[in-house]
């Protein structure tokens, strides 16, 4: 795992926040030689855990670089709570999608009804 120290100016002209300075104080390079991106895992085993990955991920030419951003600190109850919250959000997203579809169908049906009644009166 290659680490590169990145110098960040401390003058008022610096556009990086203190948090950004900490995050980039020890920049990691992927096997392509590019700065690795910090991503978030949502697997059953590691929900919400951050890791470094190749910035070319999903472009089809990534180097498959992987390294954990942080040490594993979560407990089992935290892992279960995160997974449960994720599942609830996904379920609610499905309900919202179905409700939006129903609303759209009802609007269409109502519009057809209005149009049909309007023609009959003329």
PDB file of N, CA and C in Angstrom:
ATOM      1  N   UNK A   1       0.845  -1.155   0.000  1.00  0.00           N
ATOM      2  CA  UNK A   1       0.000   0.000   0.000  1.00  0.00           C
ATOM      3  C   UNK A   1       0.901   1.231   0.000  1.00  0.00           C
ATOM      4  N   UNK A   2       0.774   2.077  -1.016  1.00  0.00           N
ATOM      5  CA  UNK A   2       1.626   3.234  -1.141  1.00  0.00           C
ATOM      6  C   UNK A   2       0.946   4.461  -0.564  1.00  0.00           C
ATOM      7  N   UNK A   3       1.676   5.190   0.258  1.00  0.00           N
ATOM      8  CA  UNK A   3       1.139   6.413   0.846  1.00  0.00           C
ATOM      9  C   UNK A   3       1.984   7.584   0.364  1.00  0.00           C
ATOM     10  N   UNK A   4       1.334   8.680   0.047  1.00  0.00           N
ATOM     11  CA  UNK A   4       2.035   9.870  -0.405  1.00  0.00           C
ATOM     12  C   UNK A   4       1.592  11.029   0.466  1.00  0.00           C
ATOM     13  N   UNK A   5       2.541  11.748   1.011  1.00  0.00           N
ATOM     14  CA  UNK A   5       2.231  12.911   1.846  1.00  0.00           C
ATOM     15  C   UNK A   5       1.880  14.070   0.931  1.00  0.00           C
ATOM     16  N   UNK A   6       0.764  14.724   1.196  1.00  0.00           N
ATOM     17  CA  UNK A   6       0.332  15.855   0.384  1.00  0.00           C
ATOM     18  C   UNK A   6       0.439  17.113   1.218  1.00  0.00           C
ATOM     19  N   UNK A   7       1.188  18.090   0.723  1.00  0.00           N
ATOM     20  CA  UNK A   7       1.357  19.348   1.435  1.00  0.00           C
ATOM     21  C   UNK A   7       0.161  20.251   1.174  1.00  0.00           C
ATOM     22  N   UNK A   8      -0.371  20.829   2.217  1.00  0.00           N
ATOM     23  CA  UNK A   8      -1.489  21.759   2.104  1.00  0.00           C
ATOM     24  C   UNK A   8      -1.073  23.046   2.793  1.00  0.00           C
ATOM     25  N   UNK A   9      -1.190  24.160   2.085  1.00  0.00           N
ATOM     26  CA  UNK A   9      -0.794  25.449   2.645  1.00  0.00           C
ATOM     27  C   UNK A   9      -1.647  25.830   3.835  1.00  0.00           C
ATOM     28  N   UNK A  10      -1.035  26.534   4.782  1.00  0.00           N
ATOM     29  CA  UNK A  10      -1.779  26.945   5.966  1.00  0.00           C
ATOM     30  C   UNK A  10      -2.225  28.395   5.879  1.00  0.00           C
ATOM     31  N   UNK A  11      -1.893  29.082   4.782  1.00  0.00           N
ATOM     32  CA  UNK A  11      -2.272  30.482   4.617  1.00  0.00           C
ATOM     33  C   UNK A  11      -3.749  30.641   4.356  1.00  0.00           C
ATOM     34  N   UNK A  12      -4.186  31.888   4.370  1.00  0.00           N
ATOM     35  CA  UNK A  12      -5.608  32.157   4.175  1.00  0.00           C
ATOM     36  C   UNK A  12      -6.061  31.836   2.761  1.00  0.00           C
ATOM     37  N   UNK A  13      -5.126  31.667   1.823  1.00  0.00           N
ATOM     38  CA  UNK A  13      -5.483  31.360   0.445  1.00  0.00           C
ATOM     39  C   UNK A  13      -5.864  29.906   0.233  1.00  0.00           C
ATOM     40  N   UNK A  14      -5.667  29.067   1.236  1.00  0.00           N
ATOM     41  CA  UNK A  14      -5.985  27.650   1.090  1.00  0.00           C
ATOM     42  C   UNK A  14      -7.492  27.452   1.044  1.00  0.00           C
ATOM     43  N   UNK A  15      -7.944  26.667   0.065  1.00  0.00           N
ATOM     44  CA  UNK A  15      -9.383  26.440  -0.072  1.00  0.00           C
ATOM     45  C   UNK A  15      -9.836  25.155   0.615  1.00  0.00           C
ATOM     46  N   UNK A  16      -8.903  24.414   1.175  1.00  0.00           N
ATOM     47  CA  UNK A  16      -9.272  23.169   1.840  1.00  0.00           C
ATOM     48  C   UNK A  16      -9.624  23.432   3.298  1.00  0.00           C
ATOM     49  N   UNK A  17     -10.706  22.846   3.748  1.00  0.00           N
ATOM     50  CA  UNK A  17     -11.105  22.986   5.145  1.00  0.00           C
ATOM     51  C   UNK A  17     -10.184  22.149   6.022  1.00  0.00           C
ATOM     52  N   UNK A  18     -10.301  22.344   7.316  1.00  0.00           N
ATOM     53  CA  UNK A  18      -9.483  21.563   8.246  1.00  0.00           C
ATOM     54  C   UNK A  18      -9.790  20.081   8.102  1.00  0.00           C
ATOM     55  N   UNK A  19     -11.061  19.758   7.894  1.00  0.00           N
ATOM     56  CA  UNK A  19     -11.457  18.359   7.721  1.00  0.00           C
ATOM     57  C   UNK A  19     -10.822  17.780   6.461  1.00  0.00           C
ATOM     58  N   UNK A  20     -10.817  18.566   5.382  1.00  0.00           N
ATOM     59  CA  UNK A  20     -10.211  18.108   4.135  1.00  0.00           C
ATOM     60  C   UNK A  20      -8.719  17.910   4.306  1.00  0.00           C
ATOM     61  N   UNK A  21      -8.079  18.801   5.050  1.00  0.00           N
ATOM     62  CA  UNK A  21      -6.640  18.659   5.266  1.00  0.00           C
ATOM     63  C   UNK A  21      -6.329  17.343   5.963  1.00  0.00           C
ATOM     64  N   UNK A  22      -7.150  17.019   6.965  1.00  0.00           N
ATOM     65  CA  UNK A  22      -6.929  15.749   7.671  1.00  0.00           C
ATOM     66  C   UNK A  22      -7.143  14.577   6.731  1.00  0.00           C
ATOM     67  N   UNK A  23      -8.191  14.655   5.918  1.00  0.00           N
ATOM     68  CA  UNK A  23      -8.534  13.557   5.025  1.00  0.00           C
ATOM     69  C   UNK A  23      -7.432  13.320   3.993  1.00  0.00           C
ATOM     70  N   UNK A  24      -6.818  14.415   3.493  1.00  0.00           N
ATOM     71  CA  UNK A  24      -5.828  14.276   2.436  1.00  0.00           C
ATOM     72  C   UNK A  24      -4.394  14.334   2.944  1.00  0.00           C
ATOM     73  N   UNK A  25      -4.205  14.338   4.259  1.00  0.00           N
ATOM     74  CA  UNK A  25      -2.855  14.433   4.788  1.00  0.00           C
ATOM     75  C   UNK A  25      -2.034  13.201   4.440  1.00  0.00           C
ATOM     76  N   UNK A  26      -2.682  12.102   4.187  1.00  0.00           N
ATOM     77  CA  UNK A  26      -1.973  10.878   3.829  1.00  0.00           C
ATOM     78  C   UNK A  26      -2.721  10.250   2.656  1.00  0.00           C
ATOM     79  N   UNK A  27      -2.496  10.778   1.475  1.00  0.00           N
ATOM     80  CA  UNK A  27      -3.201  10.359   0.277  1.00  0.00           C
ATOM     81  C   UNK A  27      -2.715   8.988  -0.179  1.00  0.00           C
ATOM     82  N   UNK A  28      -3.642   8.125  -0.556  1.00  0.00           N
ATOM     83  CA  UNK A  28      -3.281   6.794  -1.043  1.00  0.00           C
ATOM     84  C   UNK A  28      -3.458   6.742  -2.548  1.00  0.00           C
ATOM     85  N   UNK A  29      -2.552   6.062  -3.200  1.00  0.00           N
ATOM     86  CA  UNK A  29      -2.632   5.898  -4.643  1.00  0.00           C
ATOM     87  C   UNK A  29      -3.079   4.486  -4.971  1.00  0.00           C
ATOM     88  N   UNK A  30      -3.939   4.373  -5.982  1.00  0.00           N
ATOM     89  CA  UNK A  30      -4.351   3.043  -6.430  1.00  0.00           C
ATOM     90  C   UNK A  30      -3.239   2.470  -7.306  1.00  0.00           C
ATOM     91  N   UNK A  31      -3.431   1.278  -7.824  1.00  0.00           N
ATOM     92  CA  UNK A  31      -2.419   0.624  -8.650  1.00  0.00           C
ATOM     93  C   UNK A  31      -2.240   1.325  -9.993  1.00  0.00           C
ATOM     94  N   UNK A  32      -3.193   2.175 -10.380  1.00  0.00           N
ATOM     95  CA  UNK A  32      -3.084   2.969 -11.614  1.00  0.00           C
ATOM     96  C   UNK A  32      -2.215   4.203 -11.392  1.00  0.00           C
ATOM     97  N   UNK A  33      -1.893   4.499 -10.132  1.00  0.00           N
ATOM     98  CA  UNK A  33      -1.117   5.685  -9.804  1.00  0.00           C
ATOM     99  C   UNK A  33      -1.969   6.912  -9.552  1.00  0.00           C
ATOM    100  N   UNK A  34      -3.285   6.737  -9.512  1.00  0.00           N
ATOM    101  CA  UNK A  34      -4.213   7.843  -9.275  1.00  0.00           C
ATOM    102  C   UNK A  34      -4.602   7.896  -7.803  1.00  0.00           C
ATOM    103  N   UNK A  35      -4.961   9.082  -7.298  1.00  0.00           N
ATOM    104  CA  UNK A  35      -5.415   9.164  -5.903  1.00  0.00           C
ATOM    105  C   UNK A  35      -6.676   8.313  -5.714  1.00  0.00           C
ATOM    106  N   UNK A  36      -6.622   7.406  -4.761  1.00  0.00           N
ATOM    107  CA  UNK A  36      -7.771   6.528  -4.498  1.00  0.00           C
ATOM    108  C   UNK A  36      -8.920   7.346  -3.933  1.00  0.00           C
ATOM    109  N   UNK A  37     -10.147   6.975  -4.317  1.00  0.00           N
ATOM    110  CA  UNK A  37     -11.344   7.657  -3.825  1.00  0.00           C
ATOM    111  C   UNK A  37     -11.873   6.937  -2.592  1.00  0.00           C
ATOM    112  N   UNK A  38     -12.435   7.716  -1.681  1.00  0.00           N
ATOM    113  CA  UNK A  38     -13.062   7.128  -0.497  1.00  0.00           C
ATOM    114  C   UNK A  38     -14.507   6.821  -0.858  1.00  0.00           C
ATOM    115  N   UNK A  39     -14.887   5.574  -0.676  1.00  0.00           N
ATOM    116  CA  UNK A  39     -16.234   5.116  -1.005  1.00  0.00           C
ATOM    117  C   UNK A  39     -16.857   4.498   0.253  1.00  0.00           C
ATOM    118  N   UNK A  40     -18.136   4.169   0.166  1.00  0.00           N
ATOM    119  CA  UNK A  40     -18.833   3.596   1.319  1.00  0.00           C
ATOM    120  C   UNK A  40     -19.438   2.254   0.930  1.00  0.00           C
ATOM    121  N   UNK A  41     -19.138   1.243   1.721  1.00  0.00           N
ATOM    122  CA  UNK A  41     -19.660  -0.106   1.477  1.00  0.00           C
ATOM    123  C   UNK A  41     -21.053  -0.236   2.072  1.00  0.00           C
ATOM    124  N   UNK A  42     -21.918  -0.984   1.389  1.00  0.00           N
ATOM    125  CA  UNK A  42     -23.248  -1.287   1.923  1.00  0.00           C
ATOM    126  C   UNK A  42     -23.533  -2.775   1.796  1.00  0.00           C
ATOM    127  N   UNK A  43     -22.518  -3.572   2.082  1.00  0.00           N
ATOM    128  CA  UNK A  43     -22.691  -5.019   2.076  1.00  0.00           C
ATOM    129  C   UNK A  43     -23.265  -5.450   3.419  1.00  0.00           C
ATOM    130  N   UNK A  44     -23.750  -6.676   3.477  1.00  0.00           N
ATOM    131  CA  UNK A  44     -24.288  -7.205   4.735  1.00  0.00           C
ATOM    132  C   UNK A  44     -23.221  -7.209   5.827  1.00  0.00           C
ATOM    133  N   UNK A  45     -21.990  -7.515   5.456  1.00  0.00           N
ATOM    134  CA  UNK A  45     -20.919  -7.641   6.435  1.00  0.00           C
ATOM    135  C   UNK A  45     -20.339  -6.287   6.867  1.00  0.00           C
ATOM    136  N   UNK A  46     -20.349  -5.300   5.973  1.00  0.00           N
ATOM    137  CA  UNK A  46     -19.707  -4.010   6.259  1.00  0.00           C
ATOM    138  C   UNK A  46     -20.589  -2.810   5.910  1.00  0.00           C
ATOM    139  N   UNK A  47     -21.781  -2.710   6.473  1.00  0.00           N
ATOM    140  CA  UNK A  47     -22.657  -1.596   6.109  1.00  0.00           C
ATOM    141  C   UNK A  47     -22.117  -0.255   6.603  1.00  0.00           C
ATOM    142  N   UNK A  48     -22.038   0.698   5.697  1.00  0.00           N
ATOM    143  CA  UNK A  48     -21.616   2.036   6.065  1.00  0.00           C
ATOM    144  C   UNK A  48     -20.128   2.226   6.250  1.00  0.00           C
ATOM    145  N   UNK A  49     -19.346   1.188   6.036  1.00  0.00           N
ATOM    146  CA  UNK A  49     -17.907   1.272   6.258  1.00  0.00           C
ATOM    147  C   UNK A  49     -17.214   1.902   5.054  1.00  0.00           C
ATOM    148  N   UNK A  50     -16.262   2.785   5.312  1.00  0.00           N
ATOM    149  CA  UNK A  50     -15.550   3.495   4.253  1.00  0.00           C
ATOM    150  C   UNK A  50     -14.300   2.732   3.817  1.00  0.00           C
ATOM    151  N   UNK A  51     -14.004   2.844   2.522  1.00  0.00           N
ATOM    152  CA  UNK A  51     -12.813   2.199   1.978  1.00  0.00           C
ATOM    153  C   UNK A  51     -12.248   3.025   0.833  1.00  0.00           C
ATOM    154  N   UNK A  52     -10.982   2.769   0.511  1.00  0.00           N
ATOM    155  CA  UNK A  52     -10.348   3.396  -0.641  1.00  0.00           C
ATOM    156  C   UNK A  52     -10.543   2.488  -1.845  1.00  0.00           C
ATOM    157  N   UNK A  53     -10.820   3.098  -2.986  1.00  0.00           N
ATOM    158  CA  UNK A  53     -10.966   2.338  -4.219  1.00  0.00           C
ATOM    159  C   UNK A  53     -10.448   3.136  -5.403  1.00  0.00           C
ATOM    160  N   UNK A  54     -10.205   2.456  -6.497  1.00  0.00           N
ATOM    161  CA  UNK A  54      -9.719   3.084  -7.724  1.00  0.00           C
ATOM    162  C   UNK A  54     -10.755   4.096  -8.225  1.00  0.00           C
ATOM    163  N   UNK A  55     -10.329   5.306  -8.627  1.00  0.00           N
ATOM    164  CA  UNK A  55     -11.280   6.302  -9.127  1.00  0.00           C
ATOM    165  C   UNK A  55     -11.902   5.914 -10.470  1.00  0.00           C
ATOM    166  N   UNK A  56     -11.342   4.926 -11.125  1.00  0.00           N
ATOM    167  CA  UNK A  56     -11.879   4.470 -12.409  1.00  0.00           C
ATOM    168  C   UNK A  56     -12.969   3.414 -12.245  1.00  0.00           C
ATOM    169  N   UNK A  57     -13.380   3.150 -11.005  1.00  0.00           N
ATOM    170  CA  UNK A  57     -14.423   2.170 -10.735  1.00  0.00           C
ATOM    171  C   UNK A  57     -15.659   2.514 -11.551  1.00  0.00           C
ATOM    172  N   UNK A  58     -16.281   1.531 -12.122  1.00  0.00           N
ATOM    173  CA  UNK A  58     -17.472   1.629 -12.973  1.00  0.00           C
ATOM    174  C   UNK A  58     -17.176   2.176 -14.371  1.00  0.00           C
ATOM    175  N   UNK A  59     -15.922   2.473 -14.663  1.00  0.00           N
ATOM    176  CA  UNK A  59     -15.573   2.908 -16.018  1.00  0.00           C
ATOM    177  C   UNK A  59     -15.086   1.724 -16.847  1.00  0.00           C
ATOM    178  N   UNK A  60     -14.871   0.600 -16.189  1.00  0.00           N
ATOM    179  CA  UNK A  60     -14.483  -0.616 -16.892  1.00  0.00           C
ATOM    180  C   UNK A  60     -12.988  -0.841 -16.990  1.00  0.00           C
ATOM    181  N   UNK A  61     -12.190   0.108 -16.540  1.00  0.00           N
ATOM    182  CA  UNK A  61     -10.743  -0.083 -16.634  1.00  0.00           C
ATOM    183  C   UNK A  61     -10.047   0.184 -15.297  1.00  0.00           C
ATOM    184  N   UNK A  62     -10.732  -0.166 -14.215  1.00  0.00           N
ATOM    185  CA  UNK A  62     -10.157   0.057 -12.891  1.00  0.00           C
ATOM    186  C   UNK A  62      -9.134  -1.028 -12.563  1.00  0.00           C
ATOM    187  N   UNK A  63      -8.283  -0.722 -11.584  1.00  0.00           N
ATOM    188  CA  UNK A  63      -7.223  -1.658 -11.194  1.00  0.00           C
ATOM    189  C   UNK A  63      -7.636  -2.539 -10.017  1.00  0.00           C
ATOM    190  N   UNK A  64      -8.867  -2.389  -9.537  1.00  0.00           N
ATOM    191  CA  UNK A  64      -9.394  -3.165  -8.409  1.00  0.00           C
ATOM    192  C   UNK A  64      -8.672  -2.889  -7.093  1.00  0.00           C
ATOM    193  N   UNK A  65      -8.094  -1.696  -6.963  1.00  0.00           N
ATOM    194  CA  UNK A  65      -7.442  -1.330  -5.708  1.00  0.00           C
ATOM    195  C   UNK A  65      -8.485  -1.269  -4.597  1.00  0.00           C
ATOM    196  N   UNK A  66      -8.127  -1.790  -3.428  1.00  0.00           N
ATOM    197  CA  UNK A  66      -9.027  -1.786  -2.279  1.00  0.00           C
ATOM    198  C   UNK A  66      -8.216  -1.712  -0.997  1.00  0.00           C
ATOM    199  N   UNK A  67      -8.654  -0.840  -0.092  1.00  0.00           N
ATOM    200  CA  UNK A  67      -8.044  -0.745   1.225  1.00  0.00           C
ATOM    201  C   UNK A  67      -9.062  -0.090   2.152  1.00  0.00           C
ATOM    202  N   UNK A  68      -9.201  -0.597   3.370  1.00  0.00           N
ATOM    203  CA  UNK A  68     -10.146   0.006   4.309  1.00  0.00           C
ATOM    204  C   UNK A  68      -9.666   1.387   4.702  1.00  0.00           C
ATOM    205  N   UNK A  69     -10.584   2.328   4.802  1.00  0.00           N
ATOM    206  CA  UNK A  69     -10.292   3.700   5.211  1.00  0.00           C
ATOM    207  C   UNK A  69     -10.082   3.770   6.713  1.00  0.00           C
ATOM    208  N   UNK A  70     -10.860   2.995   7.435  1.00  0.00           N
ATOM    209  CA  UNK A  70     -10.817   3.030   8.886  1.00  0.00           C
ATOM    210  C   UNK A  70     -10.714   1.624   9.450  1.00  0.00           C
ATOM    211  N   UNK A  71     -10.369   1.569  10.691  1.00  0.00           N
ATOM    212  CA  UNK A  71     -10.348   0.280  11.370  1.00  0.00           C
ATOM    213  C   UNK A  71     -11.787  -0.125  11.660  1.00  0.00           C
ATOM    214  N   UNK A  72     -12.030  -1.405  11.701  1.00  0.00           N
ATOM    215  CA  UNK A  72     -13.381  -1.878  12.004  1.00  0.00           C
ATOM    216  C   UNK A  72     -13.670  -1.584  13.471  1.00  0.00           C
ATOM    217  N   UNK A  73     -14.643  -0.724  13.712  1.00  0.00           N
ATOM    218  CA  UNK A  73     -14.957  -0.336  15.086  1.00  0.00           C
ATOM    219  C   UNK A  73     -16.398  -0.648  15.466  1.00  0.00           C
ATOM    220  N   UNK A  74     -17.230  -0.961  14.500  1.00  0.00           N
ATOM    221  CA  UNK A  74     -18.642  -1.207  14.769  1.00  0.00           C
ATOM    222  C   UNK A  74     -18.870  -2.482  15.558  1.00  0.00           C
ATOM    223  N   UNK A  75     -19.913  -2.452  16.337  1.00  0.00           N
ATOM    224  CA  UNK A  75     -20.307  -3.645  17.064  1.00  0.00           C
ATOM    225  C   UNK A  75     -21.434  -4.326  16.298  1.00  0.00           C
ATOM    226  N   UNK A  76     -21.777  -5.501  16.702  1.00  0.00           N
ATOM    227  CA  UNK A  76     -22.814  -6.270  16.010  1.00  0.00           C
ATOM    228  C   UNK A  76     -24.154  -5.547  16.011  1.00  0.00           C
ATOM    229  N   UNK A  77     -24.535  -4.914  17.111  1.00  0.00           N
ATOM    230  CA  UNK A  77     -25.835  -4.229  17.143  1.00  0.00           C
ATOM    231  C   UNK A  77     -25.843  -3.034  16.197  1.00  0.00           C
ATOM    232  N   UNK A  78     -24.698  -2.354  16.048  1.00  0.00           N
ATOM    233  CA  UNK A  78     -24.629  -1.230  15.110  1.00  0.00           C
ATOM    234  C   UNK A  78     -24.771  -1.724  13.673  1.00  0.00           C
ATOM    235  N   UNK A  79     -24.129  -2.834  13.386  1.00  0.00           N
ATOM    236  CA  UNK A  79     -24.207  -3.410  12.047  1.00  0.00           C
ATOM    237  C   UNK A  79     -25.650  -3.781  11.724  1.00  0.00           C
ATOM    238  N   UNK A  80     -26.310  -4.448  12.673  1.00  0.00           N
ATOM    239  CA  UNK A  80     -27.711  -4.839  12.462  1.00  0.00           C
ATOM    240  C   UNK A  80     -28.613  -3.616  12.303  1.00  0.00           C
ATOM    241  N   UNK A  81     -28.366  -2.582  13.115  1.00  0.00           N
ATOM    242  CA  UNK A  81     -29.185  -1.365  13.043  1.00  0.00           C
ATOM    243  C   UNK A  81     -29.023  -0.676  11.692  1.00  0.00           C
ATOM    244  N   UNK A  82     -27.802  -0.612  11.194  1.00  0.00           N
ATOM    245  CA  UNK A  82     -27.568  -0.005   9.880  1.00  0.00           C
ATOM    246  C   UNK A  82     -28.258  -0.790   8.774  1.00  0.00           C
ATOM    247  N   UNK A  83     -28.147  -2.105   8.838  1.00  0.00           N
ATOM    248  CA  UNK A  83     -28.787  -2.941   7.819  1.00  0.00           C
ATOM    249  C   UNK A  83     -30.304  -2.806   7.882  1.00  0.00           C
ATOM    250  N   UNK A  84     -30.846  -2.764   9.080  1.00  0.00           N
ATOM    251  CA  UNK A  84     -32.292  -2.613   9.235  1.00  0.00           C
ATOM    252  C   UNK A  84     -32.745  -1.261   8.685  1.00  0.00           C
ATOM    253  N   UNK A  85     -32.000  -0.203   8.990  1.00  0.00           N
ATOM    254  CA  UNK A  85     -32.347   1.129   8.483  1.00  0.00           C
ATOM    255  C   UNK A  85     -32.265   1.154   6.962  1.00  0.00           C
ATOM    256  N   UNK A  86     -31.231   0.548   6.398  1.00  0.00           N
ATOM    257  CA  UNK A  86     -31.087   0.485   4.940  1.00  0.00           C
ATOM    258  C   UNK A  86     -32.272  -0.248   4.321  1.00  0.00           C
ATOM    259  N   UNK A  87     -32.649  -1.377   4.913  1.00  0.00           N
ATOM    260  CA  UNK A  87     -33.767  -2.162   4.387  1.00  0.00           C
ATOM    261  C   UNK A  87     -35.080  -1.388   4.470  1.00  0.00           C
ATOM    262  N   UNK A  88     -35.274  -0.663   5.572  1.00  0.00           N
ATOM    263  CA  UNK A  88     -36.491   0.142   5.723  1.00  0.00           C
ATOM    264  C   UNK A  88     -36.544   1.248   4.672  1.00  0.00           C
ATOM    265  N   UNK A  89     -35.427   1.879   4.429  1.00  0.00           N
ATOM    266  CA  UNK A  89     -35.374   2.934   3.411  1.00  0.00           C
ATOM    267  C   UNK A  89     -35.688   2.360   2.038  1.00  0.00           C
ATOM    268  N   UNK A  90     -35.104   1.213   1.717  1.00  0.00           N
ATOM    269  CA  UNK A  90     -35.372   0.585   0.420  1.00  0.00           C
ATOM    270  C   UNK A  90     -36.849   0.223   0.284  1.00  0.00           C
ATOM    271  N   UNK A  91     -37.439  -0.284   1.347  1.00  0.00           N
ATOM    272  CA  UNK A  91     -38.856  -0.650   1.319  1.00  0.00           C
ATOM    273  C   UNK A  91     -39.727   0.591   1.139  1.00  0.00           C
ATOM    274  N   UNK A  92     -39.400   1.661   1.840  1.00  0.00           N
ATOM    275  CA  UNK A  92     -40.176   2.899   1.712  1.00  0.00           C
ATOM    276  C   UNK A  92     -40.006   3.509   0.322  1.00  0.00           C
ATOM    277  N   UNK A  93     -38.823   3.372  -0.259  1.00  0.00           N
ATOM    278  CA  UNK A  93     -38.616   3.842  -1.633  1.00  0.00           C
ATOM    279  C   UNK A  93     -39.531   3.098  -2.601  1.00  0.00           C
ATOM    280  N   UNK A  94     -39.711   1.793  -2.369  1.00  0.00           N
ATOM    281  CA  UNK A  94     -40.608   0.998  -3.220  1.00  0.00           C
ATOM    282  C   UNK A  94     -42.053   1.471  -3.067  1.00  0.00           C
ATOM    283  N   UNK A  95     -42.465   1.748  -1.828  1.00  0.00           N
ATOM    284  CA  UNK A  95     -43.825   2.226  -1.573  1.00  0.00           C
ATOM    285  C   UNK A  95     -44.033   3.579  -2.252  1.00  0.00           C
ATOM    286  N   UNK A  96     -43.069   4.471  -2.127  1.00  0.00           N
ATOM    287  CA  UNK A  96     -43.166   5.792  -2.766  1.00  0.00           C
ATOM    288  C   UNK A  96     -43.285   5.644  -4.274  1.00  0.00           C
ATOM    289  N   UNK A  97     -42.477   4.779  -4.849  1.00  0.00           N
ATOM    290  CA  UNK A  97     -42.525   4.547  -6.295  1.00  0.00           C
ATOM    291  C   UNK A  97     -43.904   4.039  -6.718  1.00  0.00           C
ATOM    292  N   UNK A  98     -44.459   3.111  -5.955  1.00  0.00           N
ATOM    293  CA  UNK A  98     -45.783   2.567  -6.272  1.00  0.00           C
ATOM    294  C   UNK A  98     -46.859   3.638  -6.128  1.00  0.00           C
ATOM    295  N   UNK A  99     -46.765   4.466  -5.089  1.00  0.00           N
ATOM    296  CA  UNK A  99     -47.732   5.546  -4.897  1.00  0.00           C
ATOM    297  C   UNK A  99     -47.657   6.568  -6.032  1.00  0.00           C
ATOM    298  N   UNK A 100     -46.453   6.881  -6.470  1.00  0.00           N
ATOM    299  CA  UNK A 100     -46.299   7.812  -7.587  1.00  0.00           C
ATOM    300  C   UNK A 100     -46.912   7.238  -8.861  1.00  0.00           C
ATOM    301  N   UNK A 101     -46.752   5.954  -9.063  1.00  0.00           N
ATOM    302  CA  UNK A 101     -47.340   5.292 -10.228  1.00  0.00           C
ATOM    303  C   UNK A 101     -48.872   5.344 -10.141  1.00  0.00           C
ATOM    304  N   UNK A 102     -49.413   5.063  -8.954  1.00  0.00           N
ATOM    305  CA  UNK A 102     -50.865   5.097  -8.750  1.00  0.00           C
ATOM    306  C   UNK A 102     -51.413   6.501  -8.987  1.00  0.00           C
ATOM    307  N   UNK A 103     -50.729   7.513  -8.473  1.00  0.00           N
ATOM    308  CA  UNK A 103     -51.158   8.902  -8.673  1.00  0.00           C
ATOM    309  C   UNK A 103     -51.168   9.244 -10.154  1.00  0.00           C
ATOM    310  N   UNK A 104     -50.141   8.845 -10.854  1.00  0.00           N
ATOM    311  CA  UNK A 104     -50.054   9.110 -12.290  1.00  0.00           C
ATOM    312  C   UNK A 104     -51.205   8.441 -13.038  1.00  0.00           C
ATOM    313  N   UNK A 105     -51.495   7.191 -12.684  1.00  0.00           N
ATOM    314  CA  UNK A 105     -52.597   6.468 -13.327  1.00  0.00           C
ATOM    315  C   UNK A 105     -53.938   7.131 -13.021  1.00  0.00           C
ATOM    316  N   UNK A 106     -54.118   7.581 -11.781  1.00  0.00           N
ATOM    317  CA  UNK A 106     -55.376   8.232 -11.398  1.00  0.00           C
ATOM    318  C   UNK A 106     -55.544   9.566 -12.121  1.00  0.00           C
ATOM    319  N   UNK A 107     -54.456  10.322 -12.254  1.00  0.00           N
ATOM    320  CA  UNK A 107     -54.516  11.588 -12.988  1.00  0.00           C
ATOM    321  C   UNK A 107     -54.903  11.338 -14.439  1.00  0.00           C
ATOM    322  N   UNK A 108     -54.301  10.328 -15.026  1.00  0.00           N
ATOM    323  CA  UNK A 108     -54.595   9.986 -16.419  1.00  0.00           C
ATOM    324  C   UNK A 108     -56.057   9.581 -16.570  1.00  0.00           C
ATOM    325  N   UNK A 109     -56.529   8.756 -15.651  1.00  0.00           N
ATOM    326  CA  UNK A 109     -57.921   8.300 -15.681  1.00  0.00           C
ATOM    327  C   UNK A 109     -58.874   9.485 -15.520  1.00  0.00           C
ATOM    328  N   UNK A 110     -58.564  10.388 -14.598  1.00  0.00           N
ATOM    329  CA  UNK A 110     -59.394  11.566 -14.363  1.00  0.00           C
ATOM    330  C   UNK A 110     -59.414  12.474 -15.591  1.00  0.00           C
ATOM    331  N   UNK A 111     -58.278  12.639 -16.217  1.00  0.00           N
ATOM    332  CA  UNK A 111     -58.191  13.472 -17.414  1.00  0.00           C
ATOM    333  C   UNK A 111     -59.035  12.878 -18.544  1.00  0.00           C
ATOM    334  N   UNK A 112     -58.982  11.560 -18.694  1.00  0.00           N
ATOM    335  CA  UNK A 112     -59.790  10.891 -19.726  1.00  0.00           C
ATOM    336  C   UNK A 112     -61.274  11.073 -19.434  1.00  0.00           C
ATOM    337  N   UNK A 113     -61.635  11.004 -18.149  1.00  0.00           N
ATOM    338  CA  UNK A 113     -63.031  11.170 -17.745  1.00  0.00           C
ATOM    339  C   UNK A 113     -63.514  12.585 -18.051  1.00  0.00           C
ATOM    340  N   UNK A 114     -62.686  13.577 -17.730  1.00  0.00           N
ATOM    341  CA  UNK A 114     -63.037  14.972 -17.994  1.00  0.00           C
ATOM    342  C   UNK A 114     -63.194  15.209 -19.491  1.00  0.00           C
ATOM    343  N   UNK A 115     -62.284  14.683 -20.261  1.00  0.00           N
ATOM    344  CA  UNK A 115     -62.311  14.857 -21.712  1.00  0.00           C
ATOM    345  C   UNK A 115     -63.544  14.193 -22.306  1.00  0.00           C
ATOM    346  N   UNK A 116     -63.896  13.032 -21.830  1.00  0.00           N
ATOM    347  CA  UNK A 116     -65.071  12.307 -22.321  1.00  0.00           C
ATOM    348  C   UNK A 116     -66.355  13.036 -22.003  1.00  0.00           C
ATOM    349  N   UNK A 117     -66.482  13.599 -20.809  1.00  0.00           N
ATOM    350  CA  UNK A 117     -67.691  14.334 -20.412  1.00  0.00           C
ATOM    351  C   UNK A 117     -67.802  15.636 -21.187  1.00  0.00           C
ATOM    352  N   UNK A 118     -66.682  16.280 -21.434  1.00  0.00           N
ATOM    353  CA  UNK A 118     -66.694  17.553 -22.149  1.00  0.00           C
ATOM    354  C   UNK A 118     -67.215  17.403 -23.561  1.00  0.00           C
ATOM    355  N   UNK A 119     -66.880  16.325 -24.229  1.00  0.00           N
ATOM    356  CA  UNK A 119     -67.327  16.093 -25.605  1.00  0.00           C
ATOM    357  C   UNK A 119     -68.812  15.790 -25.658  1.00  0.00           C
ATOM    358  N   UNK A 120     -69.323  15.101 -24.669  1.00  0.00           N
ATOM    359  CA  UNK A 120     -70.727  14.699 -24.661  1.00  0.00           C
ATOM    360  C   UNK A 120     -71.668  15.875 -24.494  1.00  0.00           C
ATOM    361  N   UNK A 121     -71.219  16.959 -23.910  1.00  0.00           N
ATOM    362  CA  UNK A 121     -72.079  18.120 -23.654  1.00  0.00           C
ATOM    363  C   UNK A 121     -72.161  19.053 -24.854  1.00  0.00           C
ATOM    364  N   UNK A 122     -71.240  18.967 -25.769  1.00  0.00           N
ATOM    365  CA  UNK A 122     -71.232  19.891 -26.910  1.00  0.00           C
ATOM    366  C   UNK A 122     -72.261  19.539 -27.933  1.00  0.00           C
TER     367      UNK A 122
END
